[in-house]
C-alpha cells in the first residue's frame, strides 16, 4: 500500500497523505480489540474493503482523474467513501463461531491427564543428521504455556515464541498468527518465551 501511495503521488493521481491515511485506518481496524463474542478483523476483510473503495472511487472520478492542480478528484472521492457505511461494513468485527460448532475438547488419556495441545501446519526448525533445515512441522505447547490470553481471549503467536515468526510487527503487537507476547501463563509480557526469565 505504501508503494501504491508513492506511485499515485508521483503520477499526480492522488496525494500520498490521503492514501496513507486510508492505509492507517485499515491497519488500525486490524489491531482494534473487538467486542465480546466477536472476532478480530482479518486481512481478507481489509482487502475486500480496499477493493470496494477503489470501485467507488473509479466510478466517481471517471474521465476526470486529473484535477485542476489545487485539488485532486481522487483525493475527494477517497475521503468521501473511506468512512462510508458501504465501505466500513467490510471491516466490522464478525461474530465468533457458535458453541455448537466449536472444536471438541480433548479427552483425558488413560492416566487421567489431558493431552498437550498440538498445532499443525506451522513451520518449525528441525534437525536431521548433521545438517539443519526447515520443513513443515508441529509446535508443541509446553505445560506452563497457553495459546490465548486476556478477556476476551486473544490469540498468541506461537511462531514468535519459538523464534520463527517473520511478521514485521513490534513486540506486543499483532501479526497474522496472533499477538507477539510470551505464552507462559504467569507472564504474557511483550517478549518471546525464548527471552523470558519467568519460571
N, C-alpha and C. Protein backbone atom coordinates (compact mmCIF):
# COMPACT_ATOMS: atom_id res chain seq x y z
N UNK A 1 0.81 -1.20 0.00
CA UNK A 1 0.00 0.00 0.00
C UNK A 1 0.86 1.26 0.00
N UNK A 2 1.99 1.19 0.68
CA UNK A 2 2.88 2.34 0.70
C UNK A 2 3.47 2.58 -0.68
N UNK A 3 3.85 1.51 -1.39
CA UNK A 3 4.36 1.66 -2.75
C UNK A 3 3.29 2.21 -3.68
N UNK A 4 2.06 1.77 -3.51
CA UNK A 4 0.97 2.28 -4.33
C UNK A 4 0.76 3.77 -4.08
N UNK A 5 0.80 4.17 -2.81
CA UNK A 5 0.63 5.58 -2.47
C UNK A 5 1.72 6.44 -3.09
N UNK A 6 2.96 5.96 -3.05
CA UNK A 6 4.07 6.72 -3.66
C UNK A 6 3.91 6.82 -5.17
N UNK A 7 3.48 5.72 -5.81
CA UNK A 7 3.31 5.72 -7.26
C UNK A 7 2.20 6.67 -7.68
N UNK A 8 1.07 6.65 -6.97
CA UNK A 8 -0.05 7.54 -7.30
C UNK A 8 0.32 9.00 -7.07
N UNK A 9 1.11 9.24 -6.03
CA UNK A 9 1.52 10.61 -5.74
C UNK A 9 2.47 11.13 -6.82
N UNK A 10 3.41 10.30 -7.27
CA UNK A 10 4.34 10.70 -8.32
C UNK A 10 3.63 10.93 -9.65
N UNK A 11 2.57 10.14 -9.90
CA UNK A 11 1.81 10.30 -11.15
C UNK A 11 0.83 11.46 -11.08
N UNK A 12 0.67 12.07 -9.90
CA UNK A 12 -0.26 13.19 -9.75
C UNK A 12 -1.71 12.78 -9.71
N UNK A 13 -1.98 11.48 -9.45
CA UNK A 13 -3.36 10.99 -9.41
C UNK A 13 -3.99 11.23 -8.05
N UNK A 14 -3.23 10.95 -6.99
CA UNK A 14 -3.74 11.11 -5.62
C UNK A 14 -2.59 11.53 -4.71
N UNK A 15 -2.93 12.13 -3.58
CA UNK A 15 -1.92 12.59 -2.63
C UNK A 15 -1.46 11.44 -1.75
N UNK A 16 -0.17 11.41 -1.46
CA UNK A 16 0.40 10.37 -0.59
C UNK A 16 -0.25 10.39 0.79
N UNK A 17 -0.48 11.59 1.34
CA UNK A 17 -1.03 11.70 2.69
C UNK A 17 -2.45 11.13 2.76
N UNK A 18 -3.25 11.34 1.70
CA UNK A 18 -4.62 10.82 1.70
C UNK A 18 -4.62 9.29 1.64
N UNK A 19 -3.75 8.73 0.80
CA UNK A 19 -3.67 7.28 0.68
C UNK A 19 -3.08 6.65 1.94
N UNK A 20 -2.12 7.32 2.56
CA UNK A 20 -1.54 6.81 3.79
C UNK A 20 -2.56 6.84 4.92
N UNK A 21 -3.43 7.85 4.91
CA UNK A 21 -4.49 7.93 5.92
C UNK A 21 -5.44 6.74 5.79
N UNK A 22 -5.76 6.34 4.55
CA UNK A 22 -6.63 5.17 4.32
C UNK A 22 -5.93 3.89 4.78
N UNK A 23 -4.65 3.76 4.49
CA UNK A 23 -3.90 2.57 4.91
C UNK A 23 -3.86 2.47 6.43
N UNK A 24 -3.62 3.58 7.10
CA UNK A 24 -3.57 3.58 8.56
C UNK A 24 -4.92 3.19 9.17
N UNK A 25 -6.00 3.65 8.54
CA UNK A 25 -7.34 3.29 9.03
C UNK A 25 -7.54 1.78 8.96
N UNK A 26 -7.10 1.17 7.86
CA UNK A 26 -7.26 -0.28 7.71
C UNK A 26 -6.48 -1.05 8.77
N UNK A 27 -5.22 -0.66 9.00
CA UNK A 27 -4.40 -1.41 9.95
C UNK A 27 -4.80 -1.12 11.40
N UNK A 28 -5.42 0.03 11.65
CA UNK A 28 -5.97 0.27 12.98
C UNK A 28 -7.13 -0.69 13.24
N UNK A 29 -7.95 -0.93 12.21
CA UNK A 29 -9.06 -1.88 12.34
C UNK A 29 -8.53 -3.29 12.59
N UNK A 30 -7.38 -3.63 11.99
CA UNK A 30 -6.80 -4.96 12.14
C UNK A 30 -6.39 -5.23 13.58
N UNK A 31 -5.92 -4.19 14.29
CA UNK A 31 -5.42 -4.36 15.65
C UNK A 31 -6.45 -3.97 16.72
N UNK A 32 -7.57 -3.42 16.31
CA UNK A 32 -8.58 -2.98 17.27
C UNK A 32 -9.23 -4.18 17.97
N UNK A 33 -9.33 -4.10 19.29
CA UNK A 33 -9.91 -5.22 20.05
C UNK A 33 -11.42 -5.25 19.83
N UNK A 34 -11.97 -6.41 19.42
CA UNK A 34 -13.40 -6.49 19.11
C UNK A 34 -14.25 -6.60 20.38
N UNK A 35 -15.56 -6.35 20.27
CA UNK A 35 -16.46 -6.57 21.42
C UNK A 35 -16.50 -8.03 21.80
N UNK A 36 -16.99 -8.30 22.99
CA UNK A 36 -17.10 -9.69 23.47
C UNK A 36 -17.99 -10.50 22.53
N UNK A 37 -17.51 -11.68 22.16
CA UNK A 37 -18.27 -12.54 21.26
C UNK A 37 -18.01 -12.30 19.79
N UNK A 38 -17.05 -11.43 19.46
CA UNK A 38 -16.72 -11.14 18.07
C UNK A 38 -15.25 -11.43 17.81
N UNK A 39 -14.92 -11.70 16.54
CA UNK A 39 -13.55 -12.00 16.15
C UNK A 39 -12.82 -10.74 15.73
N UNK A 40 -11.48 -10.82 15.74
CA UNK A 40 -10.67 -9.73 15.20
C UNK A 40 -10.87 -9.61 13.69
N UNK A 41 -10.75 -8.40 13.17
CA UNK A 41 -10.79 -8.19 11.73
C UNK A 41 -9.58 -8.87 11.10
N UNK A 42 -9.76 -9.56 9.97
CA UNK A 42 -8.65 -10.26 9.33
C UNK A 42 -8.22 -9.58 8.03
N UNK A 43 -7.14 -10.11 7.42
CA UNK A 43 -6.59 -9.49 6.22
C UNK A 43 -7.55 -9.57 5.03
N UNK A 44 -8.33 -10.63 4.93
CA UNK A 44 -9.28 -10.75 3.82
C UNK A 44 -10.30 -9.61 3.86
N UNK A 45 -10.73 -9.23 5.06
CA UNK A 45 -11.69 -8.14 5.18
C UNK A 45 -11.06 -6.81 4.74
N UNK A 46 -9.78 -6.61 5.06
CA UNK A 46 -9.09 -5.39 4.62
C UNK A 46 -9.03 -5.33 3.10
N UNK A 47 -8.74 -6.46 2.47
CA UNK A 47 -8.65 -6.47 1.01
C UNK A 47 -10.01 -6.20 0.37
N UNK A 48 -11.07 -6.75 0.96
CA UNK A 48 -12.41 -6.50 0.42
C UNK A 48 -12.79 -5.04 0.55
N UNK A 49 -12.44 -4.43 1.70
CA UNK A 49 -12.75 -3.01 1.89
C UNK A 49 -11.96 -2.14 0.92
N UNK A 50 -10.69 -2.47 0.70
CA UNK A 50 -9.86 -1.70 -0.22
C UNK A 50 -10.40 -1.80 -1.65
N UNK A 51 -10.80 -3.01 -2.05
CA UNK A 51 -11.35 -3.21 -3.39
C UNK A 51 -12.66 -2.44 -3.56
N UNK A 52 -13.53 -2.49 -2.54
CA UNK A 52 -14.81 -1.78 -2.62
C UNK A 52 -14.59 -0.27 -2.71
N UNK A 53 -13.61 0.24 -1.96
CA UNK A 53 -13.32 1.68 -2.00
C UNK A 53 -12.90 2.10 -3.41
N UNK A 54 -11.95 1.36 -4.01
CA UNK A 54 -11.44 1.76 -5.31
C UNK A 54 -12.47 1.59 -6.42
N UNK A 55 -13.42 0.68 -6.27
CA UNK A 55 -14.52 0.60 -7.24
C UNK A 55 -15.36 1.86 -7.20
N UNK A 56 -15.65 2.34 -5.99
CA UNK A 56 -16.43 3.57 -5.86
C UNK A 56 -15.66 4.79 -6.35
N UNK A 57 -14.36 4.83 -6.03
CA UNK A 57 -13.53 5.95 -6.48
C UNK A 57 -13.46 5.98 -8.00
N UNK A 58 -13.32 4.80 -8.63
CA UNK A 58 -13.25 4.72 -10.09
C UNK A 58 -14.54 5.20 -10.73
N UNK A 59 -15.68 4.83 -10.15
CA UNK A 59 -16.97 5.26 -10.70
C UNK A 59 -17.14 6.77 -10.59
N UNK A 60 -16.67 7.34 -9.48
CA UNK A 60 -16.89 8.77 -9.23
C UNK A 60 -15.92 9.67 -9.99
N UNK A 61 -14.74 9.16 -10.31
CA UNK A 61 -13.73 10.01 -10.95
C UNK A 61 -13.51 9.65 -12.42
N UNK A 62 -14.43 8.92 -13.00
CA UNK A 62 -14.29 8.52 -14.40
C UNK A 62 -14.20 9.75 -15.29
N UNK A 63 -13.20 9.78 -16.16
CA UNK A 63 -12.97 10.87 -17.12
C UNK A 63 -12.51 12.17 -16.47
N UNK A 64 -12.25 12.16 -15.16
CA UNK A 64 -11.75 13.38 -14.51
C UNK A 64 -10.75 13.02 -13.40
N UNK A 65 -9.81 12.15 -13.75
CA UNK A 65 -8.81 11.73 -12.77
C UNK A 65 -7.88 12.88 -12.43
N UNK A 66 -7.42 13.60 -13.44
CA UNK A 66 -6.53 14.73 -13.20
C UNK A 66 -7.33 15.94 -12.75
N UNK A 67 -6.88 16.59 -11.68
CA UNK A 67 -7.58 17.75 -11.16
C UNK A 67 -7.09 19.04 -11.79
N UNK A 68 -7.42 20.15 -11.15
CA UNK A 68 -7.04 21.46 -11.68
C UNK A 68 -5.74 21.98 -11.07
N UNK A 69 -5.04 21.09 -10.35
CA UNK A 69 -3.79 21.49 -9.73
C UNK A 69 -3.93 21.88 -8.28
N UNK A 70 -5.12 22.26 -7.87
CA UNK A 70 -5.37 22.64 -6.48
C UNK A 70 -5.91 21.47 -5.68
N UNK A 71 -6.80 20.73 -6.29
CA UNK A 71 -7.43 19.61 -5.59
C UNK A 71 -7.59 18.45 -6.55
N UNK A 72 -7.26 17.24 -6.11
CA UNK A 72 -7.35 16.06 -6.97
C UNK A 72 -8.71 15.37 -6.75
N UNK A 73 -9.45 15.08 -7.83
CA UNK A 73 -10.74 14.39 -7.68
C UNK A 73 -10.63 13.05 -6.95
N UNK A 74 -9.52 12.32 -7.16
CA UNK A 74 -9.36 11.03 -6.48
C UNK A 74 -9.26 11.23 -4.97
N UNK A 75 -8.56 12.29 -4.52
CA UNK A 75 -8.47 12.58 -3.09
C UNK A 75 -9.86 12.81 -2.50
N UNK A 76 -10.67 13.62 -3.20
CA UNK A 76 -12.02 13.90 -2.71
C UNK A 76 -12.85 12.63 -2.62
N UNK A 77 -12.73 11.77 -3.63
CA UNK A 77 -13.52 10.53 -3.64
C UNK A 77 -13.09 9.59 -2.52
N UNK A 78 -11.79 9.50 -2.27
CA UNK A 78 -11.30 8.62 -1.19
C UNK A 78 -11.79 9.11 0.16
N UNK A 79 -11.69 10.42 0.40
CA UNK A 79 -12.16 10.97 1.68
C UNK A 79 -13.67 10.79 1.84
N UNK A 80 -14.40 10.86 0.75
CA UNK A 80 -15.86 10.71 0.81
C UNK A 80 -16.25 9.27 1.13
N UNK A 81 -15.60 8.30 0.47
CA UNK A 81 -16.03 6.91 0.58
C UNK A 81 -15.33 6.11 1.66
N UNK A 82 -14.17 6.56 2.14
CA UNK A 82 -13.42 5.76 3.11
C UNK A 82 -14.20 5.54 4.42
N UNK A 83 -15.02 6.50 4.81
CA UNK A 83 -15.81 6.38 6.04
C UNK A 83 -17.28 6.07 5.76
N UNK A 84 -17.61 5.80 4.51
CA UNK A 84 -19.00 5.49 4.15
C UNK A 84 -19.38 4.11 4.68
N UNK A 85 -20.61 3.94 5.20
CA UNK A 85 -21.04 2.63 5.73
C UNK A 85 -20.88 1.49 4.74
N UNK A 86 -21.02 1.77 3.45
CA UNK A 86 -20.89 0.72 2.44
C UNK A 86 -19.47 0.14 2.40
N UNK A 87 -18.48 0.96 2.77
CA UNK A 87 -17.09 0.50 2.81
C UNK A 87 -16.74 -0.02 4.20
N UNK A 88 -17.17 0.70 5.24
CA UNK A 88 -16.87 0.30 6.61
C UNK A 88 -17.49 -1.05 6.97
N UNK A 89 -18.55 -1.40 6.27
CA UNK A 89 -19.22 -2.69 6.52
C UNK A 89 -18.24 -3.85 6.38
N UNK A 90 -17.30 -3.74 5.45
CA UNK A 90 -16.36 -4.84 5.18
C UNK A 90 -15.35 -5.04 6.30
N UNK A 91 -15.12 -4.01 7.13
CA UNK A 91 -14.09 -4.13 8.17
C UNK A 91 -14.69 -4.06 9.57
N UNK A 92 -15.91 -4.57 9.69
CA UNK A 92 -16.53 -4.70 11.00
C UNK A 92 -16.18 -6.07 11.59
N UNK A 93 -15.96 -6.17 12.91
CA UNK A 93 -15.70 -7.48 13.53
C UNK A 93 -16.87 -8.43 13.31
N UNK A 94 -16.56 -9.68 12.99
CA UNK A 94 -17.60 -10.68 12.74
C UNK A 94 -17.86 -11.49 14.01
N UNK A 95 -19.09 -11.97 14.20
CA UNK A 95 -19.39 -12.78 15.39
C UNK A 95 -18.54 -14.04 15.44
N UNK A 96 -18.20 -14.45 16.65
CA UNK A 96 -17.45 -15.68 16.83
C UNK A 96 -18.33 -16.88 16.49
N UNK A 97 -17.69 -18.03 16.27
CA UNK A 97 -18.45 -19.24 15.94
C UNK A 97 -19.34 -19.63 17.12
N UNK A 98 -20.48 -20.21 16.80
CA UNK A 98 -21.40 -20.66 17.85
C UNK A 98 -20.76 -21.79 18.64
N UNK A 99 -21.12 -21.93 19.93
CA UNK A 99 -20.55 -23.02 20.75
C UNK A 99 -20.76 -24.40 20.17
N UNK A 100 -21.89 -24.58 19.45
CA UNK A 100 -22.19 -25.91 18.92
C UNK A 100 -21.23 -26.32 17.82
N UNK A 101 -20.60 -25.31 17.17
CA UNK A 101 -19.68 -25.62 16.08
C UNK A 101 -18.23 -25.59 16.53
N UNK A 102 -18.01 -25.37 17.82
CA UNK A 102 -16.63 -25.30 18.33
C UNK A 102 -16.00 -26.69 18.30
N UNK A 103 -14.68 -26.71 18.23
CA UNK A 103 -13.96 -27.99 18.21
C UNK A 103 -14.15 -28.72 19.53
N UNK A 104 -14.29 -30.03 19.52
CA UNK A 104 -14.48 -30.78 20.76
C UNK A 104 -13.25 -30.70 21.65
N UNK A 105 -13.48 -30.75 22.96
CA UNK A 105 -12.38 -30.70 23.92
C UNK A 105 -11.62 -32.02 23.89
N UNK A 106 -10.29 -31.99 24.06
CA UNK A 106 -9.52 -33.24 24.06
C UNK A 106 -9.89 -34.10 25.26
N UNK A 107 -9.99 -35.41 25.03
CA UNK A 107 -10.36 -36.34 26.09
C UNK A 107 -9.13 -36.74 26.90
N UNK A 108 -9.28 -36.95 28.21
CA UNK A 108 -8.13 -37.38 29.02
C UNK A 108 -7.61 -38.73 28.55
N UNK A 109 -6.32 -38.96 28.73
CA UNK A 109 -5.74 -40.25 28.37
C UNK A 109 -5.92 -41.25 29.51
N UNK A 110 -5.32 -42.41 29.38
CA UNK A 110 -5.52 -43.47 30.37
C UNK A 110 -5.07 -43.07 31.75
N UNK A 111 -4.06 -42.21 31.85
CA UNK A 111 -3.56 -41.78 33.16
C UNK A 111 -4.42 -40.69 33.78
N UNK A 112 -5.42 -40.21 33.03
CA UNK A 112 -6.31 -39.17 33.56
C UNK A 112 -5.87 -37.76 33.25
N UNK A 113 -4.71 -37.60 32.60
CA UNK A 113 -4.20 -36.27 32.28
C UNK A 113 -4.61 -35.90 30.87
N UNK A 114 -4.92 -34.62 30.66
CA UNK A 114 -5.29 -34.16 29.34
C UNK A 114 -4.06 -34.09 28.45
N UNK A 115 -4.17 -34.47 27.19
CA UNK A 115 -3.01 -34.42 26.30
C UNK A 115 -2.62 -32.99 25.99
N UNK A 116 -1.34 -32.78 25.68
CA UNK A 116 -0.86 -31.45 25.32
C UNK A 116 -1.43 -31.05 23.97
N UNK A 117 -1.89 -29.79 23.83
CA UNK A 117 -2.39 -29.36 22.52
C UNK A 117 -1.27 -29.28 21.51
N UNK A 118 -1.52 -29.75 20.31
CA UNK A 118 -0.53 -29.70 19.24
C UNK A 118 -1.13 -28.94 18.07
N UNK A 119 -0.44 -27.91 17.60
CA UNK A 119 -0.92 -27.11 16.50
C UNK A 119 -0.16 -27.50 15.24
N UNK A 120 -0.88 -27.88 14.19
CA UNK A 120 -0.26 -28.35 12.97
C UNK A 120 -0.04 -27.20 11.99
N UNK A 121 0.64 -27.53 10.89
CA UNK A 121 0.84 -26.65 9.74
C UNK A 121 1.57 -25.37 10.07
N UNK A 122 2.49 -25.37 11.01
CA UNK A 122 3.38 -24.26 11.24
C UNK A 122 4.79 -24.69 10.87
N UNK A 123 5.60 -23.76 10.43
CA UNK A 123 6.98 -24.07 10.12
C UNK A 123 7.76 -24.14 11.42
N UNK A 124 8.51 -25.18 11.61
CA UNK A 124 9.34 -25.30 12.79
C UNK A 124 10.73 -25.72 12.36
N UNK A 125 11.74 -25.22 13.05
CA UNK A 125 13.12 -25.58 12.75
C UNK A 125 13.36 -27.00 13.27
N UNK A 126 13.87 -27.83 12.39
CA UNK A 126 14.14 -29.21 12.78
C UNK A 126 15.55 -29.58 12.35
N UNK A 127 16.12 -30.56 13.02
CA UNK A 127 17.46 -31.02 12.68
C UNK A 127 17.38 -32.45 12.18
N UNK A 128 18.12 -32.76 11.14
CA UNK A 128 18.14 -34.10 10.60
C UNK A 128 19.59 -34.46 10.29
N UNK A 129 20.11 -35.44 11.01
CA UNK A 129 21.51 -35.80 10.84
C UNK A 129 22.40 -34.66 11.31
N UNK A 130 23.41 -34.35 10.53
CA UNK A 130 24.34 -33.28 10.89
C UNK A 130 23.88 -31.93 10.38
N UNK A 131 23.09 -31.92 9.31
CA UNK A 131 22.66 -30.63 8.74
C UNK A 131 21.34 -30.19 9.31
N UNK A 132 21.11 -28.88 9.30
CA UNK A 132 19.85 -28.33 9.80
C UNK A 132 19.05 -27.78 8.62
N UNK A 133 17.74 -27.85 8.72
CA UNK A 133 16.92 -27.33 7.64
C UNK A 133 15.58 -26.90 8.15
N UNK A 134 14.71 -26.44 7.23
CA UNK A 134 13.38 -26.01 7.59
C UNK A 134 12.39 -26.90 6.90
N UNK A 135 11.39 -27.36 7.61
CA UNK A 135 10.37 -28.18 6.99
C UNK A 135 9.08 -27.97 7.77
N UNK A 136 7.97 -28.46 7.17
CA UNK A 136 6.68 -28.36 7.85
C UNK A 136 6.70 -29.24 9.08
N UNK A 137 6.30 -28.70 10.21
CA UNK A 137 6.31 -29.48 11.44
C UNK A 137 5.19 -29.06 12.37
N UNK A 138 5.32 -29.42 13.63
CA UNK A 138 4.32 -29.11 14.63
C UNK A 138 4.96 -28.31 15.75
N UNK A 139 4.15 -27.49 16.39
CA UNK A 139 4.61 -26.75 17.56
C UNK A 139 3.88 -27.31 18.77
N UNK A 140 4.62 -27.90 19.70
CA UNK A 140 4.03 -28.46 20.91
C UNK A 140 4.04 -27.40 22.00
N UNK A 141 2.90 -27.19 22.62
CA UNK A 141 2.77 -26.17 23.66
C UNK A 141 3.25 -26.74 24.99
N UNK A 142 4.24 -26.14 25.65
CA UNK A 142 4.67 -26.62 26.97
C UNK A 142 3.54 -26.56 28.00
N UNK A 143 3.69 -27.33 29.08
CA UNK A 143 2.62 -27.44 30.09
C UNK A 143 2.29 -26.10 30.75
N UNK A 144 3.28 -25.24 30.96
CA UNK A 144 3.04 -23.98 31.66
C UNK A 144 2.73 -22.84 30.70
N UNK A 145 2.32 -23.17 29.47
CA UNK A 145 2.06 -22.14 28.46
C UNK A 145 0.65 -22.28 27.90
N UNK A 146 0.20 -21.26 27.19
CA UNK A 146 -1.12 -21.27 26.57
C UNK A 146 -1.08 -20.45 25.29
N UNK A 147 -2.06 -20.69 24.40
CA UNK A 147 -2.05 -20.03 23.10
C UNK A 147 -3.06 -18.88 23.02
N UNK A 148 -3.73 -18.58 24.13
CA UNK A 148 -4.63 -17.43 24.19
C UNK A 148 -4.47 -16.75 25.55
N UNK A 149 -4.74 -15.44 25.59
CA UNK A 149 -4.63 -14.72 26.85
C UNK A 149 -5.66 -13.59 26.88
N UNK A 150 -5.92 -13.09 28.08
CA UNK A 150 -6.82 -11.95 28.23
C UNK A 150 -8.28 -12.34 28.25
N UNK A 151 -9.12 -11.32 28.44
CA UNK A 151 -10.58 -11.49 28.46
C UNK A 151 -11.21 -10.31 27.71
N UNK A 152 -11.75 -10.52 26.49
CA UNK A 152 -11.94 -11.81 25.83
C UNK A 152 -10.61 -12.40 25.37
N UNK A 153 -10.55 -13.74 25.19
CA UNK A 153 -9.28 -14.38 24.80
C UNK A 153 -8.75 -13.85 23.47
N UNK A 154 -7.46 -13.55 23.45
CA UNK A 154 -6.78 -13.08 22.25
C UNK A 154 -5.70 -14.09 21.86
N UNK A 155 -5.50 -14.33 20.56
CA UNK A 155 -4.53 -15.34 20.13
C UNK A 155 -3.09 -14.90 20.37
N UNK A 156 -2.24 -15.87 20.69
CA UNK A 156 -0.80 -15.63 20.87
C UNK A 156 -0.06 -16.25 19.69
N UNK A 157 0.89 -15.53 19.12
CA UNK A 157 1.69 -16.05 18.01
C UNK A 157 2.67 -17.08 18.53
N UNK A 158 2.46 -18.34 18.14
CA UNK A 158 3.34 -19.41 18.61
C UNK A 158 4.70 -19.36 17.92
N UNK A 159 4.70 -18.94 16.64
CA UNK A 159 5.97 -18.82 15.93
C UNK A 159 6.89 -17.81 16.62
N UNK A 160 6.30 -16.71 17.10
CA UNK A 160 7.09 -15.69 17.79
C UNK A 160 7.77 -16.27 19.03
N UNK A 161 7.06 -17.14 19.74
CA UNK A 161 7.58 -17.68 20.98
C UNK A 161 8.70 -18.70 20.78
N UNK A 162 8.79 -19.30 19.59
CA UNK A 162 9.91 -20.21 19.33
C UNK A 162 10.95 -19.57 18.41
N UNK A 163 10.73 -18.28 18.10
CA UNK A 163 11.73 -17.52 17.35
C UNK A 163 11.71 -17.71 15.85
N UNK A 164 10.55 -18.11 15.26
CA UNK A 164 10.50 -18.32 13.81
C UNK A 164 9.51 -17.41 13.09
N UNK A 165 8.83 -16.50 13.80
CA UNK A 165 7.85 -15.62 13.14
C UNK A 165 8.57 -14.55 12.32
N UNK A 166 8.08 -14.34 11.11
CA UNK A 166 8.67 -13.33 10.23
C UNK A 166 7.78 -12.09 10.13
N UNK A 167 6.74 -12.01 10.96
CA UNK A 167 5.87 -10.85 10.94
C UNK A 167 6.62 -9.59 11.37
N UNK A 168 6.55 -8.55 10.56
CA UNK A 168 7.28 -7.31 10.82
C UNK A 168 6.45 -6.40 11.74
N UNK A 169 6.25 -6.84 12.99
CA UNK A 169 5.49 -6.06 13.97
C UNK A 169 6.31 -5.94 15.25
N UNK A 170 6.02 -4.93 16.03
CA UNK A 170 6.74 -4.70 17.27
C UNK A 170 6.25 -5.68 18.34
N UNK A 171 7.09 -5.97 19.35
CA UNK A 171 6.65 -6.83 20.46
C UNK A 171 5.38 -6.28 21.10
N UNK A 172 4.45 -7.15 21.39
CA UNK A 172 3.17 -6.75 21.97
C UNK A 172 2.09 -6.48 20.94
N UNK A 173 2.48 -6.29 19.67
CA UNK A 173 1.50 -6.04 18.61
C UNK A 173 1.09 -7.35 17.97
N UNK A 174 0.12 -7.28 17.06
CA UNK A 174 -0.46 -8.50 16.47
C UNK A 174 -0.01 -8.69 15.04
N UNK A 175 0.42 -9.92 14.71
CA UNK A 175 0.69 -10.30 13.33
C UNK A 175 -0.47 -11.18 12.86
N UNK A 176 -0.35 -11.80 11.70
CA UNK A 176 -1.45 -12.61 11.17
C UNK A 176 -1.71 -13.87 12.00
N UNK A 177 -0.72 -14.30 12.82
CA UNK A 177 -0.90 -15.50 13.63
C UNK A 177 -1.37 -15.19 15.05
N UNK A 178 -1.16 -13.98 15.54
CA UNK A 178 -1.54 -13.62 16.90
C UNK A 178 -0.65 -12.54 17.46
N UNK A 179 -0.78 -12.27 18.74
CA UNK A 179 -0.02 -11.21 19.39
C UNK A 179 1.39 -11.69 19.75
N UNK A 180 2.34 -10.78 19.61
CA UNK A 180 3.73 -11.07 19.96
C UNK A 180 3.94 -10.84 21.45
N UNK A 181 3.44 -11.79 22.23
CA UNK A 181 3.62 -11.77 23.68
C UNK A 181 4.08 -13.15 24.13
N UNK A 182 4.64 -13.23 25.33
CA UNK A 182 5.10 -14.50 25.88
C UNK A 182 3.91 -15.41 26.18
N UNK A 183 4.03 -16.68 25.80
CA UNK A 183 2.90 -17.60 26.01
C UNK A 183 2.93 -18.28 27.38
N UNK A 184 3.87 -17.93 28.26
CA UNK A 184 3.87 -18.51 29.60
C UNK A 184 2.70 -17.94 30.40
N UNK A 185 2.00 -18.81 31.12
CA UNK A 185 0.78 -18.42 31.82
C UNK A 185 1.03 -17.33 32.86
N UNK A 186 2.20 -17.32 33.48
CA UNK A 186 2.50 -16.34 34.51
C UNK A 186 3.10 -15.05 33.94
N UNK A 187 3.19 -14.94 32.61
CA UNK A 187 3.90 -13.81 32.02
C UNK A 187 3.01 -12.99 31.07
N UNK A 188 2.95 -13.38 29.81
CA UNK A 188 2.21 -12.68 28.76
C UNK A 188 2.73 -11.26 28.53
N UNK A 189 4.02 -11.04 28.79
CA UNK A 189 4.60 -9.72 28.53
C UNK A 189 5.10 -9.65 27.09
N UNK A 190 5.53 -8.45 26.69
CA UNK A 190 5.89 -8.20 25.29
C UNK A 190 7.28 -8.70 24.94
N UNK A 191 7.51 -9.99 25.12
CA UNK A 191 8.74 -10.63 24.67
C UNK A 191 8.42 -12.11 24.41
N UNK A 192 9.30 -12.79 23.71
CA UNK A 192 9.07 -14.19 23.38
C UNK A 192 9.43 -15.09 24.54
N UNK A 193 9.01 -16.35 24.45
CA UNK A 193 9.31 -17.32 25.52
C UNK A 193 10.80 -17.61 25.60
N UNK A 194 11.50 -17.53 24.46
CA UNK A 194 12.94 -17.81 24.47
C UNK A 194 13.72 -16.72 25.18
N UNK A 195 13.10 -15.53 25.37
CA UNK A 195 13.75 -14.43 26.07
C UNK A 195 13.24 -14.29 27.51
N UNK A 196 12.20 -15.07 27.86
CA UNK A 196 11.54 -14.89 29.15
C UNK A 196 12.37 -15.50 30.28
N UNK A 197 12.38 -14.80 31.43
CA UNK A 197 13.09 -15.28 32.61
C UNK A 197 12.12 -15.81 33.68
N UNK A 198 10.79 -15.75 33.36
CA UNK A 198 9.79 -16.27 34.29
C UNK A 198 9.86 -17.78 34.36
N UNK A 199 9.86 -18.34 35.54
CA UNK A 199 9.93 -19.80 35.71
C UNK A 199 8.52 -20.40 35.56
